[in-house]
N, C-alpha and C. Protein backbone atom coordinates (compact mmCIF):
# COMPACT_ATOMS: atom_id res chain seq x y z
N MET A 1 79.83 103.90 120.85
CA MET A 1 80.37 102.74 120.15
C MET A 1 79.32 102.25 119.16
N ASN A 2 79.75 101.95 117.95
CA ASN A 2 78.81 101.44 116.96
C ASN A 2 78.53 99.95 117.19
N GLU A 3 77.60 99.42 116.43
CA GLU A 3 77.14 98.03 116.62
C GLU A 3 78.27 97.01 116.49
N VAL A 4 79.13 97.18 115.50
CA VAL A 4 80.23 96.24 115.30
C VAL A 4 81.21 96.31 116.46
N GLN A 5 81.53 97.51 116.89
CA GLN A 5 82.45 97.66 118.01
C GLN A 5 81.86 97.07 119.30
N LEU A 6 80.56 97.17 119.47
CA LEU A 6 79.92 96.55 120.63
C LEU A 6 80.07 95.04 120.60
N LYS A 7 79.94 94.43 119.42
CA LYS A 7 80.14 92.98 119.29
C LYS A 7 81.56 92.59 119.65
N VAL A 8 82.53 93.39 119.19
CA VAL A 8 83.94 93.13 119.52
C VAL A 8 84.12 93.25 121.03
N ASP A 9 83.56 94.29 121.61
CA ASP A 9 83.70 94.53 123.04
C ASP A 9 83.12 93.38 123.86
N GLU A 10 81.96 92.89 123.46
CA GLU A 10 81.34 91.76 124.18
C GLU A 10 82.23 90.53 124.12
N LEU A 11 82.78 90.24 122.96
CA LEU A 11 83.65 89.07 122.81
C LEU A 11 84.93 89.22 123.62
N VAL A 12 85.57 90.36 123.50
CA VAL A 12 86.82 90.59 124.23
C VAL A 12 86.57 90.53 125.74
N SER A 13 85.45 91.07 126.17
CA SER A 13 85.11 91.02 127.60
C SER A 13 84.96 89.59 128.08
N ARG A 14 84.35 88.73 127.25
CA ARG A 14 84.22 87.31 127.62
C ARG A 14 85.57 86.63 127.71
N PHE A 15 86.54 87.10 126.90
CA PHE A 15 87.88 86.51 126.90
C PHE A 15 88.77 87.06 128.01
N GLY A 16 88.28 88.05 128.74
CA GLY A 16 89.06 88.56 129.87
C GLY A 16 89.51 90.00 129.74
N GLY A 17 89.18 90.67 128.66
CA GLY A 17 89.51 92.09 128.52
C GLY A 17 90.56 92.35 127.46
N TYR A 18 90.79 93.61 127.26
CA TYR A 18 91.71 94.06 126.21
C TYR A 18 93.15 93.89 126.63
N TRP A 19 94.00 93.73 125.64
CA TRP A 19 95.44 93.70 125.87
C TRP A 19 95.93 95.12 126.12
N THR A 20 97.20 95.26 126.39
CA THR A 20 97.79 96.59 126.53
C THR A 20 97.82 97.25 125.15
N PRO A 21 97.93 98.58 125.11
CA PRO A 21 97.94 99.26 123.81
C PRO A 21 99.00 98.72 122.83
N PHE A 22 100.19 98.47 123.31
CA PHE A 22 101.23 98.00 122.39
C PHE A 22 101.04 96.55 121.97
N GLU A 23 100.40 95.75 122.81
CA GLU A 23 100.05 94.39 122.39
C GLU A 23 98.98 94.44 121.31
N MET A 24 98.03 95.36 121.45
CA MET A 24 97.00 95.50 120.41
C MET A 24 97.61 96.03 119.12
N LEU A 25 98.57 96.95 119.23
CA LEU A 25 99.26 97.43 118.03
C LEU A 25 100.00 96.29 117.36
N ALA A 26 100.65 95.45 118.14
CA ALA A 26 101.34 94.29 117.57
C ALA A 26 100.36 93.38 116.83
N ALA A 27 99.14 93.24 117.37
CA ALA A 27 98.12 92.42 116.70
C ALA A 27 97.73 93.04 115.36
N VAL A 28 97.61 94.37 115.31
CA VAL A 28 97.30 95.05 114.04
C VAL A 28 98.41 94.80 113.03
N VAL A 29 99.64 94.95 113.45
CA VAL A 29 100.78 94.75 112.55
C VAL A 29 100.82 93.31 112.05
N GLU A 30 100.58 92.36 112.94
CA GLU A 30 100.56 90.95 112.54
C GLU A 30 99.47 90.71 111.50
N GLU A 31 98.29 91.24 111.75
CA GLU A 31 97.18 91.04 110.81
C GLU A 31 97.44 91.73 109.48
N LEU A 32 98.08 92.88 109.51
CA LEU A 32 98.45 93.55 108.25
C LEU A 32 99.44 92.71 107.45
N GLY A 33 100.35 92.06 108.14
CA GLY A 33 101.29 91.17 107.46
C GLY A 33 100.57 90.01 106.79
N GLU A 34 99.58 89.45 107.48
CA GLU A 34 98.80 88.36 106.89
C GLU A 34 97.97 88.86 105.71
N LEU A 35 97.45 90.08 105.81
CA LEU A 35 96.71 90.68 104.70
C LEU A 35 97.64 90.87 103.50
N ALA A 36 98.84 91.35 103.75
CA ALA A 36 99.81 91.54 102.67
C ALA A 36 100.14 90.21 101.99
N ASP A 37 100.31 89.17 102.79
CA ASP A 37 100.60 87.85 102.23
C ASP A 37 99.48 87.38 101.31
N VAL A 38 98.23 87.54 101.74
CA VAL A 38 97.10 87.11 100.92
C VAL A 38 97.03 87.94 99.63
N LEU A 39 97.22 89.26 99.74
CA LEU A 39 97.19 90.10 98.54
C LEU A 39 98.28 89.70 97.55
N LEU A 40 99.47 89.42 98.07
CA LEU A 40 100.56 88.99 97.18
C LEU A 40 100.22 87.68 96.48
N ARG A 41 99.62 86.76 97.24
CA ARG A 41 99.25 85.48 96.63
C ARG A 41 98.07 85.63 95.68
N LEU A 42 97.14 86.52 96.01
CA LEU A 42 95.97 86.73 95.16
C LEU A 42 96.36 87.38 93.84
N GLU A 43 97.26 88.34 93.90
CA GLU A 43 97.66 89.09 92.69
C GLU A 43 98.89 88.51 92.01
N GLY A 44 99.51 87.53 92.60
CA GLY A 44 100.71 86.95 92.03
C GLY A 44 100.43 86.09 90.82
N PRO A 45 101.48 85.64 90.18
CA PRO A 45 101.32 84.87 88.94
C PRO A 45 100.56 83.56 89.11
N LYS A 46 100.64 82.97 90.28
CA LYS A 46 99.96 81.70 90.47
C LYS A 46 98.53 81.87 91.00
N GLY A 47 98.22 83.06 91.53
CA GLY A 47 96.88 83.30 92.04
C GLY A 47 96.45 82.27 93.07
N SER A 48 97.30 82.02 94.07
CA SER A 48 97.03 80.92 95.01
C SER A 48 96.16 81.31 96.20
N ALA A 49 95.68 82.55 96.26
CA ALA A 49 94.78 82.94 97.35
C ALA A 49 93.38 83.18 96.79
N SER A 50 92.42 83.21 97.68
CA SER A 50 91.05 83.40 97.24
C SER A 50 90.48 84.72 97.77
N GLN A 51 89.40 85.13 97.17
CA GLN A 51 88.67 86.31 97.62
C GLN A 51 88.21 86.12 99.07
N LYS A 52 87.83 84.92 99.43
CA LYS A 52 87.39 84.61 100.79
C LYS A 52 88.53 84.81 101.79
N GLU A 53 89.74 84.41 101.42
CA GLU A 53 90.89 84.62 102.31
C GLU A 53 91.13 86.12 102.51
N LEU A 54 91.00 86.89 101.44
CA LEU A 54 91.16 88.32 101.53
C LEU A 54 90.11 88.92 102.47
N GLU A 55 88.89 88.48 102.32
CA GLU A 55 87.80 88.95 103.18
C GLU A 55 88.09 88.64 104.65
N MET A 56 88.58 87.45 104.91
CA MET A 56 88.88 87.05 106.29
C MET A 56 90.00 87.91 106.89
N GLU A 57 91.03 88.17 106.11
CA GLU A 57 92.14 88.97 106.62
C GLU A 57 91.73 90.42 106.84
N LEU A 58 90.90 90.96 105.94
CA LEU A 58 90.39 92.32 106.16
C LEU A 58 89.57 92.37 107.45
N GLY A 59 88.78 91.36 107.69
CA GLY A 59 88.01 91.28 108.93
C GLY A 59 88.91 91.23 110.15
N ASP A 60 89.99 90.47 110.06
CA ASP A 60 90.93 90.36 111.18
C ASP A 60 91.58 91.71 111.48
N VAL A 61 91.96 92.44 110.42
CA VAL A 61 92.54 93.77 110.61
C VAL A 61 91.53 94.69 111.28
N MET A 62 90.30 94.65 110.81
CA MET A 62 89.26 95.50 111.39
C MET A 62 88.98 95.14 112.85
N PHE A 63 89.01 93.86 113.17
CA PHE A 63 88.82 93.43 114.56
C PHE A 63 89.92 94.01 115.44
N ALA A 64 91.16 93.89 114.98
CA ALA A 64 92.29 94.41 115.75
C ALA A 64 92.19 95.92 115.92
N LEU A 65 91.78 96.63 114.87
CA LEU A 65 91.61 98.08 114.97
C LEU A 65 90.46 98.44 115.91
N ALA A 66 89.39 97.65 115.88
CA ALA A 66 88.26 97.89 116.78
C ALA A 66 88.68 97.74 118.23
N CYS A 67 89.57 96.81 118.50
CA CYS A 67 90.05 96.65 119.87
C CYS A 67 90.76 97.92 120.35
N ILE A 68 91.61 98.48 119.52
CA ILE A 68 92.30 99.72 119.89
C ILE A 68 91.28 100.85 120.06
N ALA A 69 90.39 100.99 119.11
CA ALA A 69 89.39 102.05 119.19
C ALA A 69 88.55 101.92 120.45
N ASN A 70 88.12 100.72 120.76
CA ASN A 70 87.30 100.50 121.95
C ASN A 70 88.05 100.88 123.22
N SER A 71 89.30 100.51 123.28
CA SER A 71 90.05 100.79 124.51
C SER A 71 90.27 102.29 124.71
N TYR A 72 90.16 103.08 123.64
CA TYR A 72 90.29 104.53 123.73
C TYR A 72 88.96 105.24 123.55
N ASP A 73 87.86 104.48 123.52
CA ASP A 73 86.51 105.03 123.39
C ASP A 73 86.36 105.90 122.13
N ILE A 74 86.81 105.35 121.00
CA ILE A 74 86.72 106.02 119.70
C ILE A 74 85.76 105.24 118.82
N ASP A 75 84.82 105.94 118.23
CA ASP A 75 83.88 105.33 117.29
C ASP A 75 84.55 105.25 115.93
N LEU A 76 84.79 104.03 115.44
CA LEU A 76 85.49 103.84 114.16
C LEU A 76 84.71 104.42 112.98
N ILE A 77 83.40 104.36 113.02
CA ILE A 77 82.60 104.91 111.91
C ILE A 77 82.81 106.42 111.83
N LYS A 78 82.77 107.09 112.97
CA LYS A 78 83.01 108.54 112.98
C LYS A 78 84.43 108.85 112.52
N ALA A 79 85.39 108.05 112.96
CA ALA A 79 86.78 108.26 112.55
C ALA A 79 86.93 108.08 111.04
N LEU A 80 86.28 107.06 110.48
CA LEU A 80 86.34 106.82 109.04
C LEU A 80 85.67 107.95 108.27
N GLU A 81 84.52 108.40 108.75
CA GLU A 81 83.83 109.50 108.08
C GLU A 81 84.70 110.76 108.07
N ALA A 82 85.39 111.04 109.16
CA ALA A 82 86.29 112.19 109.22
C ALA A 82 87.44 112.03 108.22
N SER A 83 87.96 110.82 108.10
CA SER A 83 89.04 110.57 107.13
C SER A 83 88.55 110.74 105.70
N ILE A 84 87.34 110.28 105.42
CA ILE A 84 86.78 110.45 104.07
C ILE A 84 86.69 111.93 103.73
N GLU A 85 86.20 112.74 104.66
CA GLU A 85 86.11 114.18 104.43
C GLU A 85 87.49 114.79 104.22
N LYS A 86 88.47 114.34 105.01
CA LYS A 86 89.84 114.84 104.87
C LYS A 86 90.38 114.53 103.48
N TYR A 87 90.20 113.29 103.02
CA TYR A 87 90.70 112.92 101.70
C TYR A 87 89.98 113.68 100.59
N LYS A 88 88.68 113.88 100.76
CA LYS A 88 87.91 114.62 99.74
C LYS A 88 88.44 116.04 99.59
N SER A 89 88.71 116.70 100.69
CA SER A 89 89.17 118.09 100.59
C SER A 89 90.66 118.19 100.27
N ARG A 90 91.46 117.30 100.80
CA ARG A 90 92.90 117.39 100.62
C ARG A 90 93.38 116.79 99.30
N ASP A 91 92.77 115.67 98.91
CA ASP A 91 93.32 114.91 97.79
C ASP A 91 92.40 114.85 96.58
N GLY A 92 91.35 115.62 96.55
CA GLY A 92 90.38 115.56 95.46
C GLY A 92 90.97 115.74 94.09
N ASN A 93 92.02 116.55 93.96
CA ASN A 93 92.62 116.81 92.66
C ASN A 93 93.81 115.91 92.36
N ARG A 94 94.18 115.07 93.31
CA ARG A 94 95.37 114.22 93.13
C ARG A 94 95.04 112.92 92.42
N TRP A 95 93.85 112.42 92.59
CA TRP A 95 93.49 111.13 92.02
C TRP A 95 92.82 111.34 90.67
N LYS A 96 93.24 110.54 89.73
CA LYS A 96 92.66 110.60 88.39
C LYS A 96 91.78 109.39 88.19
N SER A 97 90.66 109.60 87.61
CA SER A 97 89.75 108.50 87.31
C SER A 97 90.32 107.66 86.19
N SER A 98 90.20 106.35 86.31
CA SER A 98 90.67 105.46 85.25
C SER A 98 89.62 105.31 84.16
N VAL A 99 88.43 105.88 84.38
CA VAL A 99 87.36 105.80 83.40
C VAL A 99 87.53 106.96 82.42
N THR A 100 87.49 106.63 81.14
CA THR A 100 87.64 107.69 80.15
C THR A 100 86.37 107.92 79.40
């Protein structure tokens, strides 16, 4: 477990332990909905959300994901690194740079 996941684990342990897998999945979905709401408000015509709100919602999503990873003994950093390698090899020619 990486340092951030250990912090999550310590906090969750103080609160009484992890929820069931599907309760944790529901928490991820809820947090993604809140993230979507902030992005819509941030990018919308009125711009009624702030960068700080976006940061907080991203943190909430990561916390919820860390809970799932911890309960299955998965290191999120290793999982992310594997995904980066997958995208590099699979999608390297699909993305076009916006820099000309």
